[in-house]
Amino acid sequence: MIIKEMQPDGNFEDYLLEGSVLKIGKQIMDIDALQKEEQVIIDIIDDGRFVANIIIPPAVYEEIQEPTVEGEPSISPVKVLIDMDSVKLILWDKPILTVEGE
């Protein structure tokens, strides 16, 4: 996964990547399941604060050749598992909330 921090020395949301499952803040998402035919951009908001973007590239397919009943080969497109190295996680500074008077 490509990680980009938008502010130097920022206070970023914690994240954990396990396979294609990304946990960021209170949210858990399967990036492979979210991949579509076109690029997908997901905005992550936690407690009303914008903390990250996830940019998922378009799905990739490979052609699989299978025999048919008639003996002629049939070619079917099959979605390839997502290459997590091509997914971008853009982290934005998560301001620290303070209570007035403290």
Protein backbone atom coordinates (compact mmCIF):
# COMPACT_ATOMS: atom_id res chain seq x y z
CA MET A 1 0.00 0.00 0.00
CA ILE A 2 1.24 3.46 -0.88
CA ILE A 3 1.02 5.71 2.20
CA LYS A 4 1.10 9.49 1.88
CA GLU A 5 0.98 11.79 4.91
CA MET A 6 -0.35 15.21 3.94
CA GLN A 7 1.05 17.27 6.82
CA PRO A 8 4.55 16.97 8.21
CA ASP A 9 4.56 15.77 11.81
CA GLY A 10 0.78 15.37 11.72
CA ASN A 11 -1.42 13.51 14.17
CA PHE A 12 -2.73 10.72 11.91
CA GLU A 13 -5.41 8.09 12.47
CA ASP A 14 -3.99 4.67 13.32
CA TYR A 15 -4.39 2.01 10.63
CA LEU A 16 -3.64 -1.68 10.17
CA LEU A 17 -3.53 -3.65 6.92
CA GLU A 18 -4.06 -7.43 7.08
CA GLY A 19 -4.21 -8.95 3.61
CA SER A 20 -6.78 -6.82 1.80
CA VAL A 21 -8.57 -5.78 5.01
CA LEU A 22 -7.83 -2.23 6.15
CA LYS A 23 -8.69 -1.07 9.66
CA ILE A 24 -8.56 2.69 10.06
CA GLY A 25 -10.02 4.38 13.09
CA LYS A 26 -13.32 2.67 13.87
CA GLN A 27 -13.83 1.46 10.30
CA ILE A 28 -12.94 -1.92 8.82
CA MET A 29 -13.14 -2.53 5.07
CA ASP A 30 -12.16 -5.26 2.61
CA ILE A 31 -10.40 -3.35 -0.17
CA ASP A 32 -10.64 -6.28 -2.61
CA ALA A 33 -14.44 -6.39 -2.16
CA LEU A 34 -14.67 -2.61 -2.72
CA GLN A 35 -12.72 -2.70 -6.00
CA LYS A 36 -14.86 -1.90 -9.09
CA GLU A 37 -14.45 -1.59 -12.86
CA GLU A 38 -13.31 2.02 -12.37
CA GLN A 39 -11.14 3.73 -9.76
CA VAL A 40 -12.84 4.06 -6.36
CA ILE A 41 -12.12 6.88 -3.90
CA ILE A 42 -13.30 6.46 -0.32
CA ASP A 43 -13.27 9.33 2.17
CA ILE A 44 -12.80 8.31 5.79
CA ILE A 45 -14.49 10.51 8.39
CA ASP A 46 -14.14 9.79 12.09
CA ASP A 47 -16.15 11.68 14.73
CA GLY A 48 -17.06 14.29 12.10
CA ARG A 49 -13.41 14.85 11.14
CA PHE A 50 -11.94 14.03 7.74
CA VAL A 51 -8.93 11.76 8.36
CA ALA A 52 -8.05 9.87 5.14
CA ASN A 53 -8.72 8.95 1.51
CA ILE A 54 -8.35 5.48 0.07
CA ILE A 55 -7.78 5.31 -3.69
CA ILE A 56 -8.49 1.86 -5.15
CA PRO A 57 -7.38 1.23 -8.75
CA PRO A 58 -9.72 -0.43 -11.31
CA ALA A 59 -10.10 -4.22 -11.26
CA VAL A 60 -7.77 -6.34 -13.40
CA TYR A 61 -8.97 -9.47 -15.18
CA GLU A 62 -7.22 -12.44 -16.71
CA GLU A 63 -8.75 -14.70 -19.31
CA ILE A 64 -9.26 -18.32 -18.32
CA GLN A 65 -9.79 -20.92 -21.02
CA GLU A 66 -12.28 -23.67 -20.19
CA PRO A 67 -13.56 -26.54 -22.35
CA THR A 68 -17.27 -26.57 -23.22
CA VAL A 69 -19.58 -29.54 -23.72
CA GLU A 70 -19.03 -29.24 -27.47
CA GLY A 71 -15.27 -29.50 -26.94
CA GLU A 72 -14.60 -25.94 -28.10
CA PRO A 73 -12.66 -23.76 -25.67
CA SER A 74 -14.52 -20.96 -23.92
CA ILE A 75 -12.66 -17.91 -22.63
CA SER A 76 -13.98 -16.30 -19.45
CA PRO A 77 -12.65 -13.19 -17.70
CA VAL A 78 -11.80 -13.78 -14.03
CA LYS A 79 -11.04 -10.93 -11.60
CA VAL A 80 -7.53 -11.07 -10.20
CA LEU A 81 -7.08 -10.43 -6.47
CA ILE A 82 -6.19 -6.80 -5.86
CA ASP A 83 -2.52 -5.83 -5.76
CA MET A 84 -2.46 -3.97 -2.43
CA ASP A 85 0.81 -2.28 -3.48
CA SER A 86 -1.28 -0.26 -5.99
CA VAL A 87 -3.77 1.04 -3.39
CA LYS A 88 -3.12 4.53 -1.97
CA LEU A 89 -3.89 5.63 1.58
CA ILE A 90 -3.71 9.40 2.03
CA LEU A 91 -3.64 10.45 5.68
CA TRP A 92 -4.74 13.90 6.83
CA ASP A 93 -3.93 15.55 10.12
CA LYS A 94 -6.44 14.64 12.81
CA PRO A 95 -6.73 17.74 14.97
CA ILE A 96 -6.66 17.12 18.70
CA LEU A 97 -9.92 18.26 20.23
CA THR A 98 -9.58 20.26 23.40
CA VAL A 99 -12.19 21.37 25.90
CA GLU A 100 -12.37 25.11 26.52
CA GLY A 101 -11.00 26.13 29.89
CA GLU A 102 -8.43 23.34 30.13
